[in-house]
Amino acid sequence: MAKCDEGYRCEVCGEDVMSIVDSDLYLRYVIGHLDPEKLHVSPERHIRCNPILAQCIRDERVEPSSVAGPFALSELDSNHAEAMVELVTRGYQRLWEINAEDGDRDVTDYPLPEVRERYQ
């Protein structure tokens, strides 16, 4: 069976990541935290299985999460924490836009506009 027919297993919980809106891999790609050249060889996780990133999402479609310790938003510089919340939330919303599009999509169009500009 081809890899694309198998689906993508979460390296944390072992379950299939069934949708792009649940994908930590594509969220990191969309926000520019994953080099496009590494997209096809990077491990997949559910967003919920990466609590450090999940804590930054402010959207009614995702249950709020928090992290204790040095990577908690409350422990970061407040300007950096605000910027991360804004970026990750926009990235999460972009995943929903991608999910709603019909037909074949060009993966190079997935990232946020400012991220696409960096890659060009």
N, C-alpha and C. Protein backbone atom coordinates (compact mmCIF):
# COMPACT_ATOMS: atom_id res chain seq x y z
N MET A 1 0.84 -1.18 0.00
CA MET A 1 0.00 0.00 0.00
C MET A 1 0.88 1.24 0.00
N ALA A 2 0.52 2.22 -0.80
CA ALA A 2 1.28 3.46 -0.86
C ALA A 2 1.14 4.23 0.44
N LYS A 3 2.20 4.99 0.79
CA LYS A 3 2.19 5.78 2.02
C LYS A 3 0.97 6.69 2.08
N CYS A 4 0.63 7.32 0.94
CA CYS A 4 -0.50 8.25 0.94
C CYS A 4 -1.83 7.52 1.17
N ASP A 5 -1.88 6.22 0.87
CA ASP A 5 -3.09 5.44 1.12
C ASP A 5 -3.18 4.97 2.57
N GLU A 6 -2.04 4.94 3.25
CA GLU A 6 -2.01 4.49 4.63
C GLU A 6 -2.46 5.56 5.60
N GLY A 7 -2.33 6.81 5.23
CA GLY A 7 -2.58 7.89 6.16
C GLY A 7 -1.30 8.21 6.92
N TYR A 8 -1.40 9.12 7.82
CA TYR A 8 -0.23 9.55 8.58
C TYR A 8 -0.48 9.29 10.05
N ARG A 9 0.42 8.55 10.67
CA ARG A 9 0.28 8.22 12.09
C ARG A 9 0.99 9.27 12.95
N CYS A 10 0.34 9.59 14.02
CA CYS A 10 0.90 10.53 15.00
C CYS A 10 2.05 9.84 15.71
N GLU A 11 3.21 10.48 15.75
CA GLU A 11 4.37 9.89 16.41
C GLU A 11 4.22 9.89 17.93
N VAL A 12 3.24 10.62 18.46
CA VAL A 12 3.05 10.67 19.91
C VAL A 12 2.05 9.62 20.37
N CYS A 13 0.84 9.63 19.80
CA CYS A 13 -0.22 8.73 20.28
C CYS A 13 -0.40 7.49 19.40
N GLY A 14 0.14 7.51 18.18
CA GLY A 14 0.04 6.35 17.30
C GLY A 14 -1.23 6.27 16.48
N GLU A 15 -2.18 7.18 16.71
CA GLU A 15 -3.42 7.18 15.94
C GLU A 15 -3.23 7.94 14.63
N ASP A 16 -4.11 7.67 13.66
CA ASP A 16 -4.06 8.38 12.39
C ASP A 16 -4.42 9.84 12.57
N VAL A 17 -3.72 10.71 11.86
CA VAL A 17 -4.09 12.12 11.78
C VAL A 17 -4.99 12.19 10.55
N MET A 18 -6.28 12.34 10.78
CA MET A 18 -7.28 12.16 9.74
C MET A 18 -7.56 13.40 8.89
N SER A 19 -7.18 14.57 9.36
CA SER A 19 -7.53 15.79 8.65
C SER A 19 -6.41 16.81 8.78
N ILE A 20 -6.29 17.65 7.77
CA ILE A 20 -5.28 18.70 7.81
C ILE A 20 -5.52 19.65 8.98
N VAL A 21 -6.77 19.80 9.42
CA VAL A 21 -7.06 20.71 10.54
C VAL A 21 -6.60 20.13 11.88
N ASP A 22 -6.19 18.87 11.90
CA ASP A 22 -5.64 18.24 13.10
C ASP A 22 -4.13 18.07 13.02
N SER A 23 -3.52 18.53 11.94
CA SER A 23 -2.13 18.23 11.64
C SER A 23 -1.15 19.27 12.17
N ASP A 24 -0.34 18.83 13.12
CA ASP A 24 0.75 19.66 13.62
C ASP A 24 1.79 19.89 12.52
N LEU A 25 2.03 18.89 11.70
CA LEU A 25 2.99 18.99 10.60
C LEU A 25 2.62 20.13 9.66
N TYR A 26 1.36 20.14 9.21
CA TYR A 26 0.95 21.19 8.28
C TYR A 26 0.78 22.53 8.96
N LEU A 27 0.43 22.56 10.23
CA LEU A 27 0.37 23.83 10.94
C LEU A 27 1.76 24.45 11.00
N ARG A 28 2.75 23.66 11.35
CA ARG A 28 4.12 24.18 11.40
C ARG A 28 4.59 24.64 10.03
N TYR A 29 4.21 23.93 8.97
CA TYR A 29 4.56 24.32 7.61
C TYR A 29 3.89 25.65 7.24
N VAL A 30 2.62 25.77 7.52
CA VAL A 30 1.84 26.96 7.17
C VAL A 30 2.38 28.22 7.85
N ILE A 31 2.87 28.07 9.10
CA ILE A 31 3.35 29.25 9.83
C ILE A 31 4.85 29.49 9.64
N GLY A 32 5.50 28.64 8.86
CA GLY A 32 6.91 28.85 8.56
C GLY A 32 7.87 28.25 9.55
N HIS A 33 7.42 27.33 10.39
CA HIS A 33 8.29 26.67 11.35
C HIS A 33 8.81 25.33 10.86
N LEU A 34 8.52 25.01 9.61
CA LEU A 34 9.01 23.77 9.00
C LEU A 34 9.42 24.07 7.57
N ASP A 35 10.66 23.83 7.27
CA ASP A 35 11.19 24.05 5.94
C ASP A 35 10.43 23.20 4.93
N PRO A 36 10.03 23.79 3.79
CA PRO A 36 9.29 23.02 2.78
C PRO A 36 10.03 21.77 2.31
N GLU A 37 11.34 21.81 2.31
CA GLU A 37 12.13 20.66 1.88
C GLU A 37 12.04 19.49 2.86
N LYS A 38 11.59 19.76 4.07
CA LYS A 38 11.51 18.71 5.11
C LYS A 38 10.08 18.22 5.32
N LEU A 39 9.12 18.82 4.62
CA LEU A 39 7.72 18.47 4.81
C LEU A 39 7.46 16.98 4.60
N HIS A 40 8.02 16.42 3.54
CA HIS A 40 7.75 15.03 3.19
C HIS A 40 8.50 14.00 4.05
N VAL A 41 9.46 14.45 4.84
CA VAL A 41 10.23 13.51 5.67
C VAL A 41 10.06 13.75 7.17
N SER A 42 9.26 14.74 7.53
CA SER A 42 9.07 15.07 8.94
C SER A 42 7.95 14.23 9.55
N PRO A 43 8.07 13.91 10.83
CA PRO A 43 7.04 13.12 11.48
C PRO A 43 5.75 13.93 11.68
N GLU A 44 4.65 13.24 11.71
CA GLU A 44 3.34 13.85 11.90
C GLU A 44 2.92 13.71 13.36
N ARG A 45 2.12 14.66 13.81
CA ARG A 45 1.50 14.62 15.13
C ARG A 45 0.15 15.30 15.01
N HIS A 46 -0.74 14.97 15.93
CA HIS A 46 -1.95 15.76 16.08
C HIS A 46 -1.56 17.08 16.72
N ILE A 47 -2.29 18.12 16.42
CA ILE A 47 -2.03 19.39 17.09
C ILE A 47 -2.15 19.20 18.60
N ARG A 48 -3.15 18.44 19.03
CA ARG A 48 -3.35 18.22 20.48
C ARG A 48 -2.17 17.48 21.11
N CYS A 49 -1.41 16.76 20.31
CA CYS A 49 -0.26 16.01 20.81
C CYS A 49 1.01 16.86 20.86
N ASN A 50 0.90 18.11 20.48
CA ASN A 50 1.99 19.07 20.62
C ASN A 50 1.46 20.24 21.44
N PRO A 51 1.36 20.07 22.76
CA PRO A 51 0.73 21.09 23.59
C PRO A 51 1.43 22.44 23.58
N ILE A 52 2.71 22.46 23.31
CA ILE A 52 3.42 23.74 23.27
C ILE A 52 2.88 24.62 22.14
N LEU A 53 2.60 24.02 21.00
CA LEU A 53 2.01 24.77 19.89
C LEU A 53 0.50 24.95 20.09
N ALA A 54 -0.17 23.92 20.56
CA ALA A 54 -1.63 23.97 20.74
C ALA A 54 -2.05 25.08 21.71
N GLN A 55 -1.23 25.37 22.71
CA GLN A 55 -1.59 26.41 23.67
C GLN A 55 -1.68 27.79 23.03
N CYS A 56 -1.15 27.94 21.83
CA CYS A 56 -1.14 29.24 21.15
C CYS A 56 -2.38 29.48 20.29
N ILE A 57 -3.24 28.49 20.14
CA ILE A 57 -4.41 28.63 19.26
C ILE A 57 -5.56 29.25 20.03
N ARG A 58 -6.11 30.31 19.46
CA ARG A 58 -7.30 30.99 20.00
C ARG A 58 -8.38 30.91 18.93
N ASP A 59 -9.15 29.86 18.97
CA ASP A 59 -10.20 29.63 17.98
C ASP A 59 -11.25 28.74 18.63
N GLU A 60 -12.52 29.04 18.39
CA GLU A 60 -13.59 28.29 19.05
C GLU A 60 -13.65 26.82 18.61
N ARG A 61 -12.99 26.48 17.51
CA ARG A 61 -13.02 25.10 17.02
C ARG A 61 -12.04 24.18 17.74
N VAL A 62 -11.22 24.74 18.59
CA VAL A 62 -10.24 23.93 19.31
C VAL A 62 -10.35 24.23 20.81
N GLU A 63 -10.28 23.15 21.57
CA GLU A 63 -10.36 23.30 23.02
C GLU A 63 -9.08 23.96 23.53
N PRO A 64 -9.21 25.01 24.34
CA PRO A 64 -8.00 25.68 24.86
C PRO A 64 -7.14 24.70 25.66
N SER A 65 -5.85 24.88 25.54
CA SER A 65 -4.93 24.05 26.30
C SER A 65 -3.87 24.94 26.94
N SER A 66 -3.23 24.40 27.94
CA SER A 66 -2.16 25.15 28.59
C SER A 66 -1.02 24.19 28.89
N VAL A 67 0.12 24.78 29.12
CA VAL A 67 1.33 24.02 29.40
C VAL A 67 1.94 24.59 30.68
N ALA A 68 2.45 23.73 31.50
CA ALA A 68 3.17 24.16 32.69
C ALA A 68 4.67 24.10 32.40
N GLY A 69 5.40 24.94 33.07
CA GLY A 69 6.85 24.89 32.92
C GLY A 69 7.40 26.00 32.05
N PRO A 70 8.64 25.85 31.64
CA PRO A 70 9.34 26.94 30.95
C PRO A 70 8.78 27.29 29.57
N PHE A 71 8.00 26.41 28.97
CA PHE A 71 7.44 26.69 27.65
C PHE A 71 6.00 27.17 27.71
N ALA A 72 5.48 27.38 28.90
CA ALA A 72 4.14 27.95 29.05
C ALA A 72 4.15 29.37 28.52
N LEU A 73 3.07 29.77 27.88
CA LEU A 73 2.98 31.13 27.37
C LEU A 73 3.23 32.16 28.47
N SER A 74 2.75 31.86 29.67
CA SER A 74 2.92 32.79 30.79
C SER A 74 4.38 32.97 31.20
N GLU A 75 5.24 32.04 30.80
CA GLU A 75 6.66 32.11 31.14
C GLU A 75 7.48 32.81 30.06
N LEU A 76 6.89 33.04 28.91
CA LEU A 76 7.61 33.67 27.81
C LEU A 76 7.50 35.18 27.88
N ASP A 77 8.40 35.85 27.20
CA ASP A 77 8.29 37.30 27.04
C ASP A 77 6.90 37.60 26.49
N SER A 78 6.21 38.57 27.06
CA SER A 78 4.81 38.82 26.68
C SER A 78 4.67 39.21 25.21
N ASN A 79 5.61 39.96 24.66
CA ASN A 79 5.54 40.31 23.23
C ASN A 79 5.70 39.09 22.35
N HIS A 80 6.62 38.22 22.73
CA HIS A 80 6.83 36.98 21.97
C HIS A 80 5.60 36.08 22.07
N ALA A 81 5.05 35.97 23.27
CA ALA A 81 3.87 35.13 23.47
C ALA A 81 2.70 35.64 22.63
N GLU A 82 2.47 36.94 22.62
CA GLU A 82 1.39 37.52 21.81
C GLU A 82 1.62 37.25 20.33
N ALA A 83 2.85 37.41 19.88
CA ALA A 83 3.17 37.16 18.47
C ALA A 83 2.94 35.70 18.11
N MET A 84 3.31 34.79 19.00
CA MET A 84 3.10 33.36 18.74
C MET A 84 1.61 33.03 18.69
N VAL A 85 0.83 33.57 19.59
CA VAL A 85 -0.62 33.33 19.59
C VAL A 85 -1.22 33.83 18.29
N GLU A 86 -0.83 35.01 17.87
CA GLU A 86 -1.37 35.58 16.62
C GLU A 86 -0.98 34.73 15.42
N LEU A 87 0.29 34.35 15.32
CA LEU A 87 0.78 33.56 14.19
C LEU A 87 0.14 32.17 14.16
N VAL A 88 0.15 31.47 15.28
CA VAL A 88 -0.36 30.10 15.31
C VAL A 88 -1.87 30.08 15.08
N THR A 89 -2.57 31.04 15.63
CA THR A 89 -4.02 31.12 15.40
C THR A 89 -4.32 31.36 13.93
N ARG A 90 -3.59 32.29 13.31
CA ARG A 90 -3.78 32.52 11.87
C ARG A 90 -3.45 31.27 11.06
N GLY A 91 -2.40 30.56 11.47
CA GLY A 91 -2.05 29.33 10.78
C GLY A 91 -3.13 28.28 10.92
N TYR A 92 -3.70 28.15 12.10
CA TYR A 92 -4.77 27.19 12.32
C TYR A 92 -5.99 27.55 11.46
N GLN A 93 -6.31 28.82 11.40
CA GLN A 93 -7.43 29.25 10.57
C GLN A 93 -7.14 29.00 9.09
N ARG A 94 -5.88 29.12 8.70
CA ARG A 94 -5.49 28.82 7.32
C ARG A 94 -5.70 27.34 7.01
N LEU A 95 -5.44 26.46 7.97
CA LEU A 95 -5.70 25.04 7.75
C LEU A 95 -7.18 24.80 7.44
N TRP A 96 -8.07 25.51 8.11
CA TRP A 96 -9.50 25.37 7.84
C TRP A 96 -9.85 25.89 6.45
N GLU A 97 -9.19 26.96 6.01
CA GLU A 97 -9.41 27.47 4.64
C GLU A 97 -8.98 26.42 3.62
N ILE A 98 -7.82 25.84 3.83
CA ILE A 98 -7.31 24.81 2.93
C ILE A 98 -8.26 23.62 2.90
N ASN A 99 -8.73 23.22 4.06
CA ASN A 99 -9.64 22.09 4.18
C ASN A 99 -10.94 22.31 3.42
N ALA A 100 -11.38 23.55 3.35
CA ALA A 100 -12.65 23.88 2.70
C ALA A 100 -12.54 23.99 1.18
N GLU A 101 -11.32 24.10 0.66
CA GLU A 101 -11.13 24.25 -0.78
C GLU A 101 -11.42 22.94 -1.49
N ASP A 102 -12.06 23.04 -2.64
CA ASP A 102 -12.36 21.87 -3.47
C ASP A 102 -11.23 21.62 -4.46
N GLY A 103 -11.09 20.37 -4.85
CA GLY A 103 -10.15 20.01 -5.90
C GLY A 103 -8.72 19.91 -5.40
N ASP A 104 -7.83 19.66 -6.36
CA ASP A 104 -6.41 19.55 -6.05
C ASP A 104 -5.86 20.92 -5.67
N ARG A 105 -4.95 20.90 -4.72
CA ARG A 105 -4.34 22.14 -4.27
C ARG A 105 -2.83 22.02 -4.38
N ASP A 106 -2.20 23.14 -4.63
CA ASP A 106 -0.75 23.20 -4.70
C ASP A 106 -0.23 23.44 -3.28
N VAL A 107 0.53 22.52 -2.75
CA VAL A 107 1.01 22.62 -1.37
C VAL A 107 1.87 23.87 -1.16
N THR A 108 2.45 24.41 -2.21
CA THR A 108 3.25 25.63 -2.05
C THR A 108 2.37 26.85 -1.78
N ASP A 109 1.06 26.73 -1.99
CA ASP A 109 0.14 27.82 -1.66
C ASP A 109 -0.39 27.73 -0.24
N TYR A 110 -0.06 26.71 0.51
CA TYR A 110 -0.58 26.52 1.86
C TYR A 110 -0.11 27.59 2.85
N PRO A 111 1.17 27.94 2.86
CA PRO A 111 1.66 28.84 3.91
C PRO A 111 0.97 30.21 3.90
N LEU A 112 1.06 30.86 5.05
CA LEU A 112 0.56 32.23 5.17
C LEU A 112 1.32 33.11 4.19
N PRO A 113 0.72 34.22 3.74
CA PRO A 113 1.35 35.07 2.71
C PRO A 113 2.78 35.49 3.04
N GLU A 114 3.04 35.91 4.26
CA GLU A 114 4.40 36.36 4.61
C GLU A 114 5.39 35.21 4.60
N VAL A 115 4.93 34.01 4.86
CA VAL A 115 5.80 32.83 4.82
C VAL A 115 6.10 32.49 3.36
N ARG A 116 5.09 32.53 2.50
CA ARG A 116 5.30 32.26 1.06
C ARG A 116 6.32 33.24 0.50
N GLU A 117 6.25 34.51 0.90
CA GLU A 117 7.20 35.50 0.42
C GLU A 117 8.64 35.15 0.81
N ARG A 118 8.82 34.64 2.01
CA ARG A 118 10.16 34.25 2.46
C ARG A 118 10.72 33.11 1.62
N TYR A 119 9.84 32.21 1.18
CA TYR A 119 10.29 31.05 0.42
C TYR A 119 10.59 31.37 -1.04
N GLN A 120 10.15 32.51 -1.51
CA GLN A 120 10.35 32.85 -2.93
C GLN A 120 11.67 33.51 -3.17
